[in-house]
């Protein structure tokens, strides 16, 4: 299998990644997100983040990430 995405020892095939992105896009559409919308994504670095970004592209919307500070560093800020 050629992996489209690898994360934490998990490999996701291109067809599976496309299926997951399409499923997320369908959910976004039900929420009223469509072409030209701007979507802020705040997820950990994970396959779910990539799936959500691809879902936005499928809907011709744009996505951007929010930078967060890890909890372990919050007390140092």
C-alpha atoms as a PDB file:
ATOM      1  CA  UNK A   1       0.000   0.000   0.000  1.00  0.00           C
ATOM      2  CA  UNK A   2       1.206   3.467  -0.826  1.00  0.00           C
ATOM      3  CA  UNK A   3       0.303   5.735   2.048  1.00  0.00           C
ATOM      4  CA  UNK A   4      -1.033   9.217   1.382  1.00  0.00           C
ATOM      5  CA  UNK A   5      -0.518  10.065   5.044  1.00  0.00           C
ATOM      6  CA  UNK A   6       1.459   8.575   7.878  1.00  0.00           C
ATOM      7  CA  UNK A   7       1.001   9.516  11.523  1.00  0.00           C
ATOM      8  CA  UNK A   8       2.040   7.794  14.735  1.00  0.00           C
ATOM      9  CA  UNK A   9       2.662   4.470  13.053  1.00  0.00           C
ATOM     10  CA  UNK A  10      -0.668   4.661  11.226  1.00  0.00           C
ATOM     11  CA  UNK A  11      -0.732   4.762   7.430  1.00  0.00           C
ATOM     12  CA  UNK A  12      -3.755   6.019   5.502  1.00  0.00           C
ATOM     13  CA  UNK A  13      -4.198   5.040   1.861  1.00  0.00           C
ATOM     14  CA  UNK A  14      -5.065   7.756  -0.671  1.00  0.00           C
ATOM     15  CA  UNK A  15      -8.581   6.394  -1.260  1.00  0.00           C
ATOM     16  CA  UNK A  16      -9.281   6.285   2.489  1.00  0.00           C
ATOM     17  CA  UNK A  17      -8.029   9.837   2.952  1.00  0.00           C
ATOM     18  CA  UNK A  18     -10.279  10.982   0.101  1.00  0.00           C
ATOM     19  CA  UNK A  19     -13.250   9.152   1.664  1.00  0.00           C
ATOM     20  CA  UNK A  20     -12.639  10.747   5.060  1.00  0.00           C
ATOM     21  CA  UNK A  21     -12.269  14.217   3.532  1.00  0.00           C
ATOM     22  CA  UNK A  22     -15.504  13.773   1.560  1.00  0.00           C
ATOM     23  CA  UNK A  23     -17.288  12.681   4.738  1.00  0.00           C
ATOM     24  CA  UNK A  24     -16.001  15.765   6.585  1.00  0.00           C
ATOM     25  CA  UNK A  25     -17.013  17.989   3.644  1.00  0.00           C
ATOM     26  CA  UNK A  26     -20.524  16.565   3.837  1.00  0.00           C
ATOM     27  CA  UNK A  27     -20.676  17.419   7.523  1.00  0.00           C
ATOM     28  CA  UNK A  28     -19.394  20.935   6.869  1.00  0.00           C
ATOM     29  CA  UNK A  29     -22.066  21.405   4.193  1.00  0.00           C
ATOM     30  CA  UNK A  30     -24.769  20.399   6.683  1.00  0.00           C
ATOM     31  CA  UNK A  31     -23.418  23.156   8.937  1.00  0.00           C
ATOM     32  CA  UNK A  32     -23.842  25.683   6.126  1.00  0.00           C
ATOM     33  CA  UNK A  33     -20.207  25.935   5.079  1.00  0.00           C
ATOM     34  CA  UNK A  34     -19.805  26.373   1.342  1.00  0.00           C
ATOM     35  CA  UNK A  35     -17.888  28.077  -1.417  1.00  0.00           C
ATOM     36  CA  UNK A  36     -16.055  31.197  -0.343  1.00  0.00           C
ATOM     37  CA  UNK A  37     -16.506  30.586   3.386  1.00  0.00           C
ATOM     38  CA  UNK A  38     -13.537  30.954   5.705  1.00  0.00           C
ATOM     39  CA  UNK A  39     -13.137  28.162   8.244  1.00  0.00           C
ATOM     40  CA  UNK A  40     -10.857  28.342  11.283  1.00  0.00           C
ATOM     41  CA  UNK A  41      -9.527  24.931  12.235  1.00  0.00           C
ATOM     42  CA  UNK A  42      -8.168  24.259  15.690  1.00  0.00           C
ATOM     43  CA  UNK A  43      -7.094  20.643  15.885  1.00  0.00           C
ATOM     44  CA  UNK A  44      -3.994  18.858  17.033  1.00  0.00           C
ATOM     45  CA  UNK A  45      -1.529  17.766  14.371  1.00  0.00           C
ATOM     46  CA  UNK A  46      -3.307  14.607  13.299  1.00  0.00           C
ATOM     47  CA  UNK A  47      -4.991  12.965  10.336  1.00  0.00           C
ATOM     48  CA  UNK A  48      -8.219  14.743  11.347  1.00  0.00           C
ATOM     49  CA  UNK A  49      -6.568  18.112  10.678  1.00  0.00           C
ATOM     50  CA  UNK A  50      -5.517  17.071   7.177  1.00  0.00           C
ATOM     51  CA  UNK A  51      -8.980  15.628   6.513  1.00  0.00           C
ATOM     52  CA  UNK A  52     -10.631  18.890   7.600  1.00  0.00           C
ATOM     53  CA  UNK A  53      -8.280  20.961   5.430  1.00  0.00           C
ATOM     54  CA  UNK A  54      -9.007  18.752   2.414  1.00  0.00           C
ATOM     55  CA  UNK A  55     -12.739  18.962   3.152  1.00  0.00           C
ATOM     56  CA  UNK A  56     -12.547  22.751   2.952  1.00  0.00           C
ATOM     57  CA  UNK A  57     -10.799  22.494  -0.393  1.00  0.00           C
ATOM     58  CA  UNK A  58     -13.514  20.175  -1.681  1.00  0.00           C
ATOM     59  CA  UNK A  59     -16.084  22.846  -0.759  1.00  0.00           C
ATOM     60  CA  UNK A  60     -14.002  25.661  -2.317  1.00  0.00           C
ATOM     61  CA  UNK A  61     -13.784  27.325   1.059  1.00  0.00           C
ATOM     62  CA  UNK A  62     -10.574  28.378   2.724  1.00  0.00           C
ATOM     63  CA  UNK A  63      -9.192  27.140   5.998  1.00  0.00           C
ATOM     64  CA  UNK A  64      -6.671  28.484   8.410  1.00  0.00           C
ATOM     65  CA  UNK A  65      -5.192  27.109  11.564  1.00  0.00           C
ATOM     66  CA  UNK A  66      -5.088  28.682  14.962  1.00  0.00           C
ATOM     67  CA  UNK A  67      -1.808  28.567  16.791  1.00  0.00           C
ATOM     68  CA  UNK A  68      -2.083  27.256  20.323  1.00  0.00           C
ATOM     69  CA  UNK A  69       0.355  26.931  23.163  1.00  0.00           C
ATOM     70  CA  UNK A  70       0.714  23.432  24.614  1.00  0.00           C
ATOM     71  CA  UNK A  71      -0.659  23.101  28.139  1.00  0.00           C
ATOM     72  CA  UNK A  72       2.788  22.145  29.429  1.00  0.00           C
ATOM     73  CA  UNK A  73       4.108  25.551  28.332  1.00  0.00           C
ATOM     74  CA  UNK A  74       1.171  27.713  29.422  1.00  0.00           C
ATOM     75  CA  UNK A  75       2.605  28.269  32.890  1.00  0.00           C
ATOM     76  CA  UNK A  76       5.798  29.653  31.330  1.00  0.00           C
ATOM     77  CA  UNK A  77       4.017  32.328  29.290  1.00  0.00           C
END
